[in-house]
């Protein structure tokens, strides 16, 4: 079993930056693809970004491409989501996830964090 815990969320003004972290425990993240998803109030959960377990390959939702950067540190068993140029529409609960392969589908991920709130004020 893998336990994932997000941190680094909070309130930020539009145009600002935040870095989310997702620390894993229970077993190593080596071999797992990692991802970030988000869910705004009244909306479906949506894909944000994913990274291959080696870290060379990444993929982003069009809505965040060029603004967000996903990364991982396998030695620390942690993944990150650097969010720049934040917009009010980025406001959501952000979830980290781990699974067998890179995917934009939430169903492809086996383990999930509990989520962390990110609020961007205008």
Protein backbone atom coordinates (compact mmCIF):
# COMPACT_ATOMS: atom_id res chain seq x y z
CA UNK A 1 0.00 0.00 0.00
CA UNK A 2 1.04 3.55 -0.72
CA UNK A 3 -0.14 6.47 1.37
CA UNK A 4 0.01 9.90 -0.27
CA UNK A 5 -0.19 13.21 1.57
CA UNK A 6 -0.40 16.58 -0.17
CA UNK A 7 0.95 19.84 1.25
CA UNK A 8 1.64 23.38 0.11
CA UNK A 9 -1.83 24.53 -0.78
CA UNK A 10 -3.44 27.77 0.34
CA UNK A 11 -4.66 31.17 -0.77
CA UNK A 12 -2.78 33.15 -3.41
CA UNK A 13 -3.55 36.16 -5.57
CA UNK A 14 -4.00 35.83 -9.29
CA UNK A 15 -0.64 35.83 -11.02
CA UNK A 16 1.06 34.29 -8.02
CA UNK A 17 2.72 30.92 -7.55
CA UNK A 18 2.42 27.88 -5.33
CA UNK A 19 4.25 24.59 -5.13
CA UNK A 20 2.33 21.50 -4.06
CA UNK A 21 4.17 18.52 -2.65
CA UNK A 22 2.97 14.95 -2.37
CA UNK A 23 4.90 12.71 0.01
CA UNK A 24 4.52 8.96 -0.19
CA UNK A 25 4.91 6.39 2.54
CA UNK A 26 4.37 2.67 2.78
CA UNK A 27 6.46 1.77 -0.21
CA UNK A 28 8.70 3.35 -2.80
CA UNK A 29 7.25 5.28 -5.73
CA UNK A 30 9.82 3.78 -8.07
CA UNK A 31 8.02 2.16 -10.97
CA UNK A 32 4.86 4.23 -10.48
CA UNK A 33 3.63 6.94 -12.77
CA UNK A 34 2.46 9.95 -10.80
CA UNK A 35 -0.26 12.44 -11.50
CA UNK A 36 -2.14 15.47 -10.28
CA UNK A 37 -5.87 16.01 -10.64
CA UNK A 38 -8.16 18.74 -9.39
CA UNK A 39 -11.81 19.23 -8.63
CA UNK A 40 -13.57 22.56 -8.41
CA UNK A 41 -16.88 22.94 -6.55
CA UNK A 42 -19.72 21.51 -8.60
CA UNK A 43 -17.33 20.21 -11.25
CA UNK A 44 -16.01 16.82 -12.24
CA UNK A 45 -12.49 15.86 -11.25
CA UNK A 46 -10.10 16.77 -14.06
CA UNK A 47 -6.63 15.76 -15.07
CA UNK A 48 -3.83 18.27 -14.53
CA UNK A 49 -0.46 16.59 -15.15
CA UNK A 50 1.36 13.28 -15.13
CA UNK A 51 4.99 12.14 -15.06
CA UNK A 52 6.70 8.87 -15.89
CA UNK A 53 8.43 7.08 -13.03
CA UNK A 54 11.85 7.84 -14.53
CA UNK A 55 10.83 11.46 -14.77
CA UNK A 56 11.79 12.16 -18.36
CA UNK A 57 8.27 12.16 -19.78
CA UNK A 58 5.54 14.53 -18.70
CA UNK A 59 2.11 15.46 -20.02
CA UNK A 60 -0.17 18.36 -19.13
CA UNK A 61 -3.73 19.43 -19.58
CA UNK A 62 -4.01 22.24 -22.11
CA UNK A 63 -5.41 24.53 -19.41
CA UNK A 64 -2.17 24.43 -17.40
CA UNK A 65 0.46 23.84 -20.08
CA UNK A 66 3.24 26.40 -19.86
CA UNK A 67 2.20 27.46 -16.34
CA UNK A 68 2.45 24.27 -14.26
CA UNK A 69 5.42 21.93 -13.92
CA UNK A 70 5.26 18.42 -12.52
CA UNK A 71 8.40 16.83 -11.11
CA UNK A 72 9.45 14.03 -8.81
CA UNK A 73 12.27 13.11 -6.50
CA UNK A 74 12.37 9.34 -6.23
CA UNK A 75 15.02 9.47 -3.52
CA UNK A 76 12.62 11.48 -1.36
CA UNK A 77 9.56 9.52 -2.48
CA UNK A 78 7.91 12.83 -3.31
CA UNK A 79 6.32 14.51 -6.30
CA UNK A 80 5.73 18.20 -6.85
CA UNK A 81 3.49 20.52 -8.83
CA UNK A 82 4.89 23.99 -9.38
CA UNK A 83 2.07 26.35 -10.34
CA UNK A 84 2.90 29.74 -11.83
CA UNK A 85 0.71 32.53 -13.20
CA UNK A 86 -2.23 31.23 -11.23
CA UNK A 87 -5.73 32.19 -12.31
CA UNK A 88 -9.00 32.22 -10.34
CA UNK A 89 -10.16 29.30 -12.49
CA UNK A 90 -7.32 27.22 -11.01
CA UNK A 91 -9.18 27.25 -7.69
CA UNK A 92 -9.89 23.65 -6.73
CA UNK A 93 -8.99 20.79 -4.44
CA UNK A 94 -5.83 19.23 -5.86
CA UNK A 95 -5.16 15.51 -5.56
CA UNK A 96 -1.97 13.57 -6.17
CA UNK A 97 -2.10 10.01 -7.42
CA UNK A 98 0.14 7.05 -8.21
CA UNK A 99 -0.47 4.29 -10.73
CA UNK A 100 1.02 1.82 -13.14
CA UNK A 101 1.26 4.08 -16.19
CA UNK A 102 0.97 7.68 -17.28
CA UNK A 103 -2.65 8.49 -17.95
CA UNK A 104 -5.14 11.33 -18.04
CA UNK A 105 -7.78 8.98 -16.63
CA UNK A 106 -8.29 8.90 -12.91
CA UNK A 107 -9.30 5.26 -13.08
CA UNK A 108 -5.72 4.37 -14.12
CA UNK A 109 -4.35 5.40 -10.73
CA UNK A 110 -4.30 3.04 -7.77
CA UNK A 111 -3.47 5.38 -4.91
CA UNK A 112 -4.75 8.84 -4.07
CA UNK A 113 -4.05 11.56 -1.57
CA UNK A 114 -6.87 13.17 0.38
CA UNK A 115 -6.55 16.44 -1.50
CA UNK A 116 -5.52 19.98 -0.64
CA UNK A 117 -7.28 23.26 -1.28
CA UNK A 118 -5.83 25.86 -3.63
CA UNK A 119 -7.69 29.15 -3.82
CA UNK A 120 -6.73 31.90 -6.27
CA UNK A 121 -8.26 35.30 -5.61
CA UNK A 122 -8.86 37.84 -8.36
